[in-house]
N, C-alpha and C. Protein backbone atom coordinates (compact mmCIF):
# COMPACT_ATOMS: atom_id res chain seq x y z
N MET A 1 0.48 5.79 9.36
CA MET A 1 -0.26 5.73 8.07
C MET A 1 -1.21 7.04 7.81
N SER A 2 -0.95 7.62 6.81
CA SER A 2 -1.60 8.87 6.55
C SER A 2 -3.39 8.42 6.35
N GLU A 3 -4.10 9.55 6.33
CA GLU A 3 -5.43 9.44 6.18
C GLU A 3 -5.75 8.74 4.80
N LYS A 4 -4.99 9.42 3.71
CA LYS A 4 -5.28 8.76 2.29
C LYS A 4 -4.99 7.33 2.20
N ASP A 5 -3.60 7.02 2.98
CA ASP A 5 -3.29 5.62 2.83
C ASP A 5 -4.36 4.66 3.64
N LYS A 6 -5.07 5.16 4.62
CA LYS A 6 -5.83 4.23 5.38
C LYS A 6 -7.01 4.16 4.65
N GLU A 7 -7.56 5.22 3.84
CA GLU A 7 -8.61 5.12 3.06
C GLU A 7 -8.38 4.24 1.73
N LEU A 8 -7.22 4.26 1.29
CA LEU A 8 -6.89 3.14 0.13
C LEU A 8 -7.15 1.85 0.64
N TRP A 9 -6.37 1.62 1.84
CA TRP A 9 -6.36 0.23 2.22
C TRP A 9 -7.67 -0.27 2.71
N GLN A 10 -8.63 0.53 3.30
CA GLN A 10 -9.98 0.24 3.46
C GLN A 10 -10.55 -0.29 2.20
N LYS A 11 -10.69 0.55 1.22
CA LYS A 11 -11.16 0.13 -0.20
C LYS A 11 -10.44 -1.26 -0.71
N ILE A 12 -9.26 -1.39 -0.58
CA ILE A 12 -8.68 -2.63 -1.04
C ILE A 12 -9.27 -3.79 -0.24
N GLU A 13 -9.44 -3.58 1.19
CA GLU A 13 -9.74 -4.62 2.01
C GLU A 13 -11.22 -4.90 1.68
N LYS A 14 -12.06 -4.03 1.46
CA LYS A 14 -13.54 -4.17 1.34
C LYS A 14 -13.83 -4.91 -0.29
N LYS A 15 -12.72 -4.63 -1.25
CA LYS A 15 -13.11 -4.88 -2.65
C LYS A 15 -12.26 -5.99 -3.16
N SER A 16 -11.11 -6.43 -2.50
CA SER A 16 -10.26 -7.42 -3.16
C SER A 16 -10.21 -8.58 -2.49
N CYS A 17 -10.90 -8.84 -1.33
CA CYS A 17 -10.87 -10.23 -0.77
C CYS A 17 -11.87 -11.29 -1.35
N ARG A 18 -11.39 -12.17 -2.04
CA ARG A 18 -12.44 -13.14 -2.77
C ARG A 18 -11.60 -14.43 -2.72
N SER A 19 -12.41 -15.43 -3.16
CA SER A 19 -12.00 -16.64 -3.37
C SER A 19 -11.15 -17.02 -4.36
N LEU A 20 -9.98 -17.79 -4.29
CA LEU A 20 -9.22 -18.21 -5.53
C LEU A 20 -9.87 -18.51 -6.76
N LYS A 21 -11.10 -19.21 -6.56
CA LYS A 21 -11.87 -19.86 -7.65
C LYS A 21 -12.56 -18.64 -8.23
N LYS A 22 -13.15 -17.59 -7.50
CA LYS A 22 -13.56 -16.37 -8.16
C LYS A 22 -12.72 -15.67 -8.82
N SER A 23 -11.48 -15.46 -8.57
CA SER A 23 -10.47 -14.78 -9.01
C SER A 23 -10.05 -15.34 -10.34
N SER A 24 -10.32 -16.68 -10.27
CA SER A 24 -9.67 -17.28 -11.65
C SER A 24 -10.83 -17.47 -12.83
N GLU A 25 -11.89 -16.93 -12.43
CA GLU A 25 -13.03 -16.86 -13.34
C GLU A 25 -12.86 -16.26 -14.63
N ASP A 26 -13.01 -16.93 -15.65
CA ASP A 26 -13.14 -16.33 -16.98
C ASP A 26 -14.42 -15.89 -17.56
N GLU A 27 -14.87 -14.72 -17.20
CA GLU A 27 -16.19 -14.16 -17.53
C GLU A 27 -16.63 -14.39 -18.72
N THR A 28 -15.83 -14.20 -19.65
CA THR A 28 -16.45 -14.36 -21.20
C THR A 28 -16.87 -15.73 -21.43
N ASN A 29 -16.13 -16.84 -21.00
CA ASN A 29 -16.39 -18.10 -21.38
C ASN A 29 -17.22 -18.75 -20.16
N LYS A 30 -17.28 -18.03 -19.16
CA LYS A 30 -18.10 -18.63 -17.81
C LYS A 30 -17.48 -19.95 -17.38
N THR A 31 -16.17 -19.68 -17.35
CA THR A 31 -15.42 -21.01 -16.45
C THR A 31 -14.49 -20.51 -15.53
N LYS A 32 -14.21 -21.40 -14.63
CA LYS A 32 -13.29 -21.07 -13.38
C LYS A 32 -12.16 -21.89 -13.69
N MET A 33 -10.79 -21.47 -13.36
CA MET A 33 -9.52 -22.38 -13.60
C MET A 33 -9.34 -23.09 -12.38
N THR A 34 -10.03 -22.93 -11.20
CA THR A 34 -9.62 -23.49 -10.01
C THR A 34 -10.84 -23.92 -9.18
N LYS A 35 -10.97 -24.92 -8.32
CA LYS A 35 -11.93 -25.16 -7.50
C LYS A 35 -11.84 -24.73 -6.06
N ASN A 36 -10.37 -24.13 -5.92
CA ASN A 36 -10.21 -23.46 -4.63
C ASN A 36 -10.94 -22.59 -3.95
N LYS A 37 -11.48 -22.59 -2.92
CA LYS A 37 -12.37 -21.65 -2.38
C LYS A 37 -11.73 -20.80 -1.26
N SER A 38 -10.35 -20.96 -1.20
CA SER A 38 -9.57 -20.05 -0.16
C SER A 38 -9.63 -18.84 -0.34
N LYS A 39 -9.56 -17.88 0.55
CA LYS A 39 -9.53 -16.33 0.28
C LYS A 39 -8.23 -15.91 0.04
N VAL A 40 -7.96 -15.07 -1.12
CA VAL A 40 -6.98 -14.66 -1.56
C VAL A 40 -7.11 -13.07 -1.90
N ILE A 41 -6.01 -12.30 -2.47
CA ILE A 41 -6.21 -11.09 -2.78
C ILE A 41 -6.45 -11.24 -4.39
N ASP A 42 -7.71 -10.45 -4.81
CA ASP A 42 -8.00 -10.43 -6.32
C ASP A 42 -7.52 -9.20 -6.70
N PHE A 43 -6.13 -9.45 -7.55
CA PHE A 43 -5.31 -8.18 -7.78
C PHE A 43 -5.86 -7.51 -8.68
N ASP A 44 -6.56 -7.79 -9.74
CA ASP A 44 -7.43 -7.01 -10.63
C ASP A 44 -8.04 -5.99 -9.95
N ARG A 45 -8.62 -6.05 -8.86
CA ARG A 45 -9.40 -5.18 -7.83
C ARG A 45 -8.52 -4.34 -7.15
N VAL A 46 -7.47 -4.85 -6.78
CA VAL A 46 -6.41 -3.84 -5.97
C VAL A 46 -5.85 -3.04 -7.01
N LYS A 47 -5.62 -3.19 -8.22
CA LYS A 47 -4.95 -2.53 -9.15
C LYS A 47 -5.98 -1.15 -9.54
N ASP A 48 -7.45 -1.69 -9.54
CA ASP A 48 -8.54 -0.53 -9.61
C ASP A 48 -8.65 0.49 -8.47
N CYS A 49 -8.37 0.01 -7.35
CA CYS A 49 -8.39 0.97 -6.08
C CYS A 49 -7.06 1.68 -6.19
N TYR A 50 -5.82 1.02 -6.44
CA TYR A 50 -4.77 1.84 -6.57
C TYR A 50 -4.78 3.06 -7.63
N MET A 51 -5.42 2.43 -8.79
CA MET A 51 -5.40 3.44 -9.99
C MET A 51 -6.18 4.72 -9.57
N ILE A 52 -7.51 4.43 -8.77
CA ILE A 52 -8.44 5.49 -8.61
C ILE A 52 -7.63 6.65 -7.67
N ASN A 53 -6.87 6.13 -6.63
CA ASN A 53 -5.93 6.83 -5.99
C ASN A 53 -4.85 7.64 -6.69
N ILE A 54 -4.19 7.10 -7.49
CA ILE A 54 -3.33 7.72 -8.49
C ILE A 54 -3.87 8.61 -9.25
N LYS A 55 -5.03 8.51 -9.92
CA LYS A 55 -5.68 9.37 -10.77
C LYS A 55 -6.11 10.58 -10.21
N LYS A 56 -6.22 10.74 -8.92
CA LYS A 56 -6.58 11.74 -8.24
C LYS A 56 -5.50 13.03 -8.33
N ASN A 57 -4.30 12.49 -8.43
CA ASN A 57 -3.20 13.38 -8.57
C ASN A 57 -2.44 13.45 -9.94
N PHE A 58 -2.70 12.53 -10.70
CA PHE A 58 -2.01 12.43 -11.98
C PHE A 58 -2.92 12.16 -13.15
N LYS A 59 -2.46 12.73 -14.22
CA LYS A 59 -3.21 12.46 -15.42
C LYS A 59 -2.65 11.02 -16.11
N ILE A 60 -3.34 10.00 -16.12
CA ILE A 60 -2.91 8.72 -16.82
C ILE A 60 -3.70 8.43 -17.85
N ASP A 61 -2.95 8.11 -19.00
CA ASP A 61 -3.78 7.76 -20.15
C ASP A 61 -4.18 6.33 -20.28
N ASN A 62 -3.22 5.37 -19.87
CA ASN A 62 -3.41 4.04 -19.98
C ASN A 62 -3.31 3.30 -18.48
N ASP A 63 -4.36 2.63 -18.01
CA ASP A 63 -4.25 1.96 -16.91
C ASP A 63 -3.22 0.81 -17.17
N PRO A 64 -2.59 0.49 -15.75
CA PRO A 64 -1.54 -0.53 -15.99
C PRO A 64 -2.40 -1.97 -15.97
N ARG A 65 -1.89 -2.96 -16.31
CA ARG A 65 -2.35 -4.36 -16.33
C ARG A 65 -2.09 -5.02 -15.06
N SER A 66 -2.76 -6.12 -14.70
CA SER A 66 -2.56 -6.71 -13.63
C SER A 66 -2.74 -8.26 -13.59
N ILE A 67 -2.18 -9.15 -12.69
CA ILE A 67 -2.22 -10.33 -12.63
C ILE A 67 -3.63 -10.81 -11.77
N ASP A 68 -4.01 -11.95 -11.76
CA ASP A 68 -5.40 -12.24 -11.20
C ASP A 68 -5.50 -12.10 -9.63
N ALA A 69 -4.41 -12.85 -9.05
CA ALA A 69 -4.49 -13.25 -7.79
C ALA A 69 -3.21 -13.25 -6.99
N ILE A 70 -3.15 -12.84 -5.58
CA ILE A 70 -1.96 -13.10 -4.65
C ILE A 70 -2.29 -13.92 -3.66
N PHE A 71 -1.66 -14.67 -3.15
CA PHE A 71 -1.73 -15.52 -1.82
C PHE A 71 -0.47 -16.14 -1.38
N ASP A 72 -0.44 -16.44 -0.14
CA ASP A 72 0.62 -16.96 0.48
C ASP A 72 0.69 -18.66 0.54
N THR A 73 1.77 -19.35 0.42
CA THR A 73 1.89 -20.73 0.63
C THR A 73 1.97 -20.96 2.05
N LYS A 74 1.94 -22.10 2.39
CA LYS A 74 1.76 -22.45 3.97
C LYS A 74 3.23 -22.24 4.69
N ASP A 75 4.19 -21.84 3.96
CA ASP A 75 5.60 -21.70 4.43
C ASP A 75 5.75 -20.14 4.07
N GLY A 76 4.72 -19.29 3.85
CA GLY A 76 4.96 -17.87 3.82
C GLY A 76 5.49 -17.28 2.56
N ARG A 77 5.48 -17.88 1.43
CA ARG A 77 6.11 -17.37 0.23
C ARG A 77 4.77 -16.75 -0.37
N MET A 78 5.07 -15.56 -1.00
CA MET A 78 4.01 -14.79 -1.58
C MET A 78 3.94 -15.36 -3.14
N VAL A 79 2.63 -15.66 -3.49
CA VAL A 79 2.50 -16.19 -4.90
C VAL A 79 1.81 -15.37 -5.90
N PHE A 80 2.08 -14.89 -6.89
CA PHE A 80 1.54 -14.20 -7.94
C PHE A 80 0.80 -15.09 -8.92
N VAL A 81 -0.26 -15.14 -9.24
CA VAL A 81 -0.98 -16.08 -10.36
C VAL A 81 -1.70 -15.38 -11.34
N GLU A 82 -1.30 -15.94 -12.56
CA GLU A 82 -2.10 -15.25 -13.83
C GLU A 82 -2.86 -16.47 -14.42
N PHE A 83 -4.24 -16.44 -14.45
CA PHE A 83 -4.89 -17.35 -15.15
C PHE A 83 -5.26 -17.31 -16.69
N LYS A 84 -4.79 -18.08 -17.54
CA LYS A 84 -5.14 -17.80 -19.12
C LYS A 84 -6.03 -19.01 -19.64
N ASN A 85 -7.32 -18.66 -19.88
CA ASN A 85 -8.22 -19.81 -20.41
C ASN A 85 -8.09 -19.73 -21.87
N GLY A 86 -7.68 -18.60 -22.53
CA GLY A 86 -7.88 -18.47 -23.76
C GLY A 86 -6.71 -18.44 -24.36
N LYS A 87 -6.45 -17.39 -25.32
CA LYS A 87 -5.27 -17.02 -26.02
C LYS A 87 -3.97 -16.67 -25.27
N LEU A 88 -2.87 -17.29 -25.32
CA LEU A 88 -1.89 -16.82 -24.57
C LEU A 88 -0.81 -15.70 -25.19
N SER A 89 -0.70 -14.63 -24.74
CA SER A 89 0.10 -13.76 -25.43
C SER A 89 1.47 -13.30 -24.41
N PRO A 90 2.56 -13.70 -24.94
CA PRO A 90 3.70 -13.37 -23.98
C PRO A 90 3.96 -11.86 -23.61
N LYS A 91 3.60 -11.11 -24.63
CA LYS A 91 3.63 -9.52 -24.20
C LYS A 91 2.46 -9.38 -23.04
N ASN A 92 1.34 -9.75 -23.13
CA ASN A 92 0.40 -9.65 -22.26
C ASN A 92 0.81 -9.89 -20.91
N VAL A 93 1.29 -11.19 -20.61
CA VAL A 93 1.70 -11.81 -19.51
C VAL A 93 2.91 -10.91 -18.84
N LEU A 94 3.94 -10.60 -19.59
CA LEU A 94 4.87 -9.86 -19.20
C LEU A 94 4.50 -8.43 -18.84
N GLU A 95 3.58 -7.77 -19.42
CA GLU A 95 2.99 -6.46 -18.98
C GLU A 95 2.23 -6.69 -17.71
N LYS A 96 1.62 -7.77 -17.59
CA LYS A 96 0.87 -7.82 -16.27
C LYS A 96 1.75 -8.13 -15.02
N LEU A 97 2.69 -8.84 -15.32
CA LEU A 97 3.77 -9.28 -14.40
C LEU A 97 4.64 -7.83 -13.87
N TYR A 98 5.30 -7.03 -14.83
CA TYR A 98 5.66 -5.93 -14.30
C TYR A 98 4.70 -4.90 -13.65
N ASP A 99 3.76 -4.59 -14.21
CA ASP A 99 2.64 -3.80 -13.56
C ASP A 99 2.32 -4.29 -12.16
N SER A 100 2.07 -5.40 -12.09
CA SER A 100 1.62 -5.99 -10.80
C SER A 100 2.73 -5.77 -9.55
N VAL A 101 3.86 -6.33 -10.02
CA VAL A 101 5.09 -6.00 -9.10
C VAL A 101 5.31 -4.76 -8.58
N LEU A 102 5.16 -3.64 -9.69
CA LEU A 102 5.33 -2.22 -9.17
C LEU A 102 4.34 -1.89 -8.24
N ILE A 103 3.20 -2.13 -8.62
CA ILE A 103 1.91 -1.84 -7.83
C ILE A 103 1.95 -2.47 -6.37
N ASN A 104 2.16 -3.77 -6.44
CA ASN A 104 2.31 -4.49 -5.14
C ASN A 104 3.48 -4.09 -4.21
N ASN A 105 4.54 -3.75 -4.80
CA ASN A 105 5.68 -3.33 -3.89
C ASN A 105 5.35 -1.87 -3.42
N ASP A 106 4.90 -1.10 -4.34
CA ASP A 106 4.65 0.19 -3.95
C ASP A 106 3.48 0.33 -2.72
N LEU A 107 2.63 -0.29 -2.88
CA LEU A 107 1.71 -0.70 -1.77
C LEU A 107 2.04 -1.13 -0.53
N LEU A 108 3.08 -2.20 -0.45
CA LEU A 108 3.50 -3.09 0.77
C LEU A 108 4.79 -2.27 1.25
N GLY A 109 5.28 -1.34 0.37
CA GLY A 109 6.69 -0.85 0.73
C GLY A 109 7.71 -2.03 0.74
N ILE A 110 7.87 -2.95 -0.08
CA ILE A 110 8.77 -3.92 -0.07
C ILE A 110 9.64 -3.76 -1.27
N SER A 111 10.85 -4.23 -1.23
CA SER A 111 11.81 -4.32 -2.54
C SER A 111 11.55 -5.53 -3.30
N ILE A 112 12.18 -5.44 -4.41
CA ILE A 112 12.19 -6.58 -5.36
C ILE A 112 12.96 -7.77 -4.73
N GLY A 113 13.99 -7.40 -3.94
CA GLY A 113 14.69 -8.68 -3.12
C GLY A 113 13.83 -9.39 -2.39
N LYS A 114 12.62 -8.61 -1.80
CA LYS A 114 11.89 -9.60 -1.11
C LYS A 114 11.11 -10.81 -1.78
N LEU A 115 10.84 -10.18 -2.88
CA LEU A 115 10.22 -11.36 -3.97
C LEU A 115 11.28 -12.09 -4.55
N ARG A 116 12.38 -11.76 -4.82
CA ARG A 116 13.51 -12.49 -5.27
C ARG A 116 13.71 -13.52 -4.32
N LYS A 117 13.63 -13.23 -2.93
CA LYS A 117 14.18 -14.17 -1.87
C LYS A 117 13.07 -15.36 -1.82
N ASP A 118 11.65 -14.95 -1.87
CA ASP A 118 10.66 -16.06 -1.58
C ASP A 118 9.43 -15.92 -2.37
N GLY A 119 9.43 -15.23 -3.49
CA GLY A 119 8.26 -14.93 -4.31
C GLY A 119 8.18 -15.92 -5.34
N ILE A 120 7.06 -16.17 -5.70
CA ILE A 120 6.67 -17.09 -6.72
C ILE A 120 5.72 -16.65 -7.65
N PHE A 121 5.83 -16.94 -9.00
CA PHE A 121 4.87 -16.34 -10.19
C PHE A 121 4.48 -17.70 -10.55
N ILE A 122 3.17 -17.78 -10.90
CA ILE A 122 2.57 -19.01 -11.65
C ILE A 122 1.53 -18.70 -12.83
N LEU A 123 1.97 -19.16 -13.93
CA LEU A 123 0.99 -19.00 -15.11
C LEU A 123 0.26 -20.40 -15.27
N VAL A 124 -1.11 -20.17 -15.06
CA VAL A 124 -1.91 -21.36 -15.25
C VAL A 124 -2.85 -21.22 -16.44
N TYR A 125 -2.66 -22.15 -17.38
CA TYR A 125 -3.19 -22.19 -18.61
C TYR A 125 -4.16 -23.31 -18.82
N ASN A 126 -5.06 -23.30 -19.60
CA ASN A 126 -6.18 -24.30 -20.00
C ASN A 126 -5.68 -24.73 -21.45
N PRO A 127 -4.88 -25.90 -21.57
CA PRO A 127 -4.40 -26.35 -22.76
C PRO A 127 -5.43 -26.64 -23.78
N GLY A 128 -6.68 -26.93 -23.39
CA GLY A 128 -7.77 -27.24 -24.33
C GLY A 128 -8.60 -26.18 -24.84
N SER A 129 -8.33 -25.00 -24.23
CA SER A 129 -9.11 -23.52 -24.60
C SER A 129 -8.82 -23.10 -25.99
N ALA A 130 -7.81 -23.03 -26.62
CA ALA A 130 -7.36 -22.78 -27.94
C ALA A 130 -6.41 -23.39 -28.56
N GLU A 131 -6.66 -23.64 -29.73
CA GLU A 131 -5.60 -24.31 -30.58
C GLU A 131 -4.25 -23.58 -30.64
N GLU A 132 -4.28 -22.32 -30.50
CA GLU A 132 -2.91 -21.59 -30.52
C GLU A 132 -1.93 -22.08 -29.37
N LEU A 133 -2.57 -22.39 -28.30
CA LEU A 133 -1.95 -22.75 -27.19
C LEU A 133 -0.70 -23.76 -27.29
N GLN A 134 -1.11 -24.79 -28.10
CA GLN A 134 -0.14 -25.61 -28.43
C GLN A 134 1.03 -25.17 -29.11
N ASN A 135 1.16 -24.00 -29.93
CA ASN A 135 2.17 -23.48 -30.58
C ASN A 135 2.93 -22.83 -29.45
N VAL A 136 2.32 -22.21 -28.31
CA VAL A 136 3.00 -21.31 -27.37
C VAL A 136 3.43 -22.27 -26.40
N VAL A 137 2.65 -23.12 -25.71
CA VAL A 137 3.05 -23.74 -24.44
C VAL A 137 3.34 -25.16 -24.90
N ALA A 138 4.55 -25.54 -24.52
CA ALA A 138 4.91 -27.13 -24.62
C ALA A 138 4.54 -27.76 -23.48
N SER A 139 4.37 -29.18 -23.60
CA SER A 139 4.09 -30.03 -22.59
C SER A 139 5.07 -30.09 -21.43
N ASN A 140 6.38 -29.78 -21.64
CA ASN A 140 7.35 -29.62 -20.60
C ASN A 140 7.32 -28.39 -19.95
N ALA A 141 6.81 -28.14 -18.78
CA ALA A 141 6.68 -26.96 -17.91
C ALA A 141 8.06 -25.96 -18.20
N ASN A 142 9.21 -26.41 -18.10
CA ASN A 142 10.21 -25.70 -18.02
C ASN A 142 10.48 -24.88 -19.56
N GLU A 143 10.15 -25.82 -20.39
CA GLU A 143 10.23 -25.40 -21.75
C GLU A 143 9.13 -24.23 -22.03
N SER A 144 7.99 -24.44 -21.48
CA SER A 144 6.80 -23.39 -21.79
C SER A 144 7.26 -22.13 -21.06
N ILE A 145 7.94 -22.32 -19.99
CA ILE A 145 8.47 -21.03 -19.43
C ILE A 145 9.29 -20.08 -20.30
N LYS A 146 10.25 -21.05 -20.89
CA LYS A 146 11.27 -20.21 -21.99
C LYS A 146 10.30 -19.70 -22.97
N ARG A 147 9.43 -20.47 -23.37
CA ARG A 147 8.69 -19.86 -24.84
C ARG A 147 7.85 -18.47 -24.36
N MET A 148 7.44 -18.70 -23.20
CA MET A 148 6.39 -17.37 -22.56
C MET A 148 7.38 -16.33 -22.26
N GLU A 149 8.66 -16.58 -22.25
CA GLU A 149 9.60 -15.53 -21.93
C GLU A 149 9.35 -15.06 -20.34
N ILE A 150 8.71 -15.72 -19.57
CA ILE A 150 8.50 -15.50 -18.12
C ILE A 150 9.81 -16.12 -17.46
N GLY A 151 10.32 -17.11 -18.00
CA GLY A 151 11.48 -17.76 -17.29
C GLY A 151 12.67 -16.70 -16.92
N ARG A 152 12.74 -15.50 -17.56
CA ARG A 152 13.61 -14.44 -17.27
C ARG A 152 13.57 -13.86 -15.75
N PHE A 153 12.37 -14.15 -15.33
CA PHE A 153 11.73 -13.39 -14.10
C PHE A 153 12.50 -14.34 -12.96
N GLU A 154 12.78 -15.62 -13.19
CA GLU A 154 13.38 -16.48 -11.92
C GLU A 154 14.65 -16.02 -11.71
N GLY A 155 14.74 -15.61 -10.52
CA GLY A 155 16.16 -15.23 -9.79
C GLY A 155 16.32 -13.68 -10.14
N TYR A 156 15.37 -13.20 -10.87
CA TYR A 156 15.69 -11.66 -11.14
C TYR A 156 14.63 -11.06 -10.32
N ILE A 157 13.29 -11.49 -10.46
CA ILE A 157 12.29 -10.87 -9.73
C ILE A 157 11.63 -11.74 -8.60
N PHE A 158 11.43 -12.88 -9.03
CA PHE A 158 10.95 -14.10 -8.34
C PHE A 158 11.95 -15.01 -7.96
N LYS A 159 11.82 -15.98 -6.91
CA LYS A 159 12.59 -17.06 -6.55
C LYS A 159 12.48 -18.16 -7.42
N LYS A 160 11.06 -18.45 -7.89
CA LYS A 160 10.58 -19.41 -8.73
C LYS A 160 9.48 -19.04 -9.47
N VAL A 161 9.45 -19.51 -11.04
CA VAL A 161 8.60 -19.31 -11.94
C VAL A 161 7.91 -20.55 -12.42
N TYR A 162 6.80 -20.67 -12.40
CA TYR A 162 6.10 -21.94 -12.99
C TYR A 162 4.88 -21.67 -14.19
N SER A 163 4.85 -22.72 -14.99
CA SER A 163 3.62 -22.64 -15.76
C SER A 163 2.97 -24.05 -15.73
N PHE A 164 1.84 -24.01 -15.34
CA PHE A 164 1.07 -25.21 -15.03
C PHE A 164 -0.40 -25.30 -15.87
N THR A 165 -0.74 -26.32 -16.01
CA THR A 165 -2.01 -26.69 -16.50
C THR A 165 -2.96 -26.50 -15.33
N LYS A 166 -4.39 -26.40 -15.29
CA LYS A 166 -5.20 -26.35 -14.23
C LYS A 166 -4.93 -27.49 -13.29
N ASP A 167 -4.82 -28.82 -13.97
CA ASP A 167 -4.78 -29.99 -13.18
C ASP A 167 -3.33 -29.96 -12.40
N GLN A 168 -2.25 -29.50 -12.96
CA GLN A 168 -0.89 -29.36 -12.43
C GLN A 168 -0.98 -28.19 -11.05
N PHE A 169 -1.76 -27.31 -11.60
CA PHE A 169 -1.82 -25.95 -10.56
C PHE A 169 -2.71 -26.66 -9.42
N GLU A 170 -3.74 -27.57 -9.50
CA GLU A 170 -4.54 -28.07 -8.41
C GLU A 170 -3.64 -28.80 -7.53
N ASP A 171 -2.74 -29.63 -8.17
CA ASP A 171 -1.73 -30.46 -7.42
C ASP A 171 -0.77 -29.65 -6.53
N TRP A 172 -0.31 -28.64 -7.23
CA TRP A 172 0.75 -27.66 -6.74
C TRP A 172 0.00 -27.02 -5.46
N ILE A 173 -1.16 -26.50 -5.47
CA ILE A 173 -1.93 -25.70 -4.16
C ILE A 173 -2.21 -26.75 -3.05
N GLU A 174 -2.64 -27.97 -3.58
CA GLU A 174 -2.66 -29.02 -2.71
C GLU A 174 -1.30 -29.08 -1.90
N GLU A 175 -0.32 -29.39 -2.51
CA GLU A 175 1.09 -29.38 -1.66
C GLU A 175 1.52 -28.23 -0.89
N ASN A 176 1.28 -27.18 -1.47
CA ASN A 176 1.75 -25.76 -0.97
C ASN A 176 0.75 -25.04 -0.30
N GLY A 177 -0.43 -25.05 -0.37
CA GLY A 177 -1.47 -24.42 0.53
C GLY A 177 -1.87 -23.08 -0.27
N VAL A 178 -2.96 -22.61 0.25
CA VAL A 178 -3.42 -21.28 -0.32
C VAL A 178 -3.72 -20.57 1.17
N TYR A 179 -3.03 -19.44 1.45
CA TYR A 179 -3.50 -18.64 2.38
C TYR A 179 -3.54 -17.37 2.25
N PHE A 180 -4.42 -16.40 3.01
CA PHE A 180 -4.40 -15.10 2.79
C PHE A 180 -2.90 -14.49 2.92
N PRO A 181 -2.51 -13.51 2.26
CA PRO A 181 -1.19 -12.99 2.29
C PRO A 181 -1.09 -12.10 3.44
N ASN A 182 -0.13 -12.51 4.16
CA ASN A 182 0.20 -11.83 5.69
C ASN A 182 0.61 -10.44 5.43
N LEU A 183 1.08 -9.99 4.37
CA LEU A 183 1.41 -8.62 4.14
C LEU A 183 0.30 -7.63 3.57
N TYR A 184 -0.63 -8.35 3.18
CA TYR A 184 -2.00 -7.51 3.10
C TYR A 184 -2.72 -7.46 4.10
N LYS A 185 -2.83 -8.56 5.16
CA LYS A 185 -3.62 -8.64 6.15
C LYS A 185 -3.14 -7.63 7.10
N SER A 186 -1.83 -7.47 7.33
CA SER A 186 -1.26 -6.66 8.44
C SER A 186 -1.54 -5.09 8.17
N ASN A 187 -1.95 -4.91 6.85
CA ASN A 187 -2.30 -3.46 6.32
C ASN A 187 -4.01 -3.32 6.37
N PHE A 188 -4.63 -4.14 6.67
CA PHE A 188 -6.01 -4.04 6.80
C PHE A 188 -6.50 -3.57 8.05
N SER A 189 -7.83 -3.10 8.15
CA SER A 189 -8.34 -2.59 9.49
C SER A 189 -7.40 -1.81 10.46
N LYS A 190 -6.66 -1.01 9.81
CA LYS A 190 -5.89 0.06 10.68
C LYS A 190 -6.52 1.48 10.87
């Protein structure tokens, strides 16, 4: 690993390790989308560190967007999570997904095939936060995935794609676990 890469990974290690609860925080409305305090990768912070490094060599007009968190399940599947407490915008979610996958896979040196084999994307939404959500997200999770256009990522980029309310997400993480991602851990403190 080059000195520049070591420096980047040290910044990521220092700034991006947070609880899932903190990563789920909607600072505008002062609410958190989960109670889970397990350590995860706060991907908004990873993206910031990554872009500082990129901007040293390239002129970038617009920063990429990023999902909120990454963690592993108890059986080692990598999970990307986006929390939406307010207005849901399919375009916004799709941009965050594409940009996050590119940054994540560049940093870790993994292919899309790795995520396709065992990666998961979860959109967690608060159905009571905005009236427009009822127009975008149906009560049936499979239908809401199709409406948000994130369903097309299943089998293409991720093995599974889910759309959960906060309560459904709590049940899912209770069953599947939240663990610090091994692929990040293996790059830390080198």
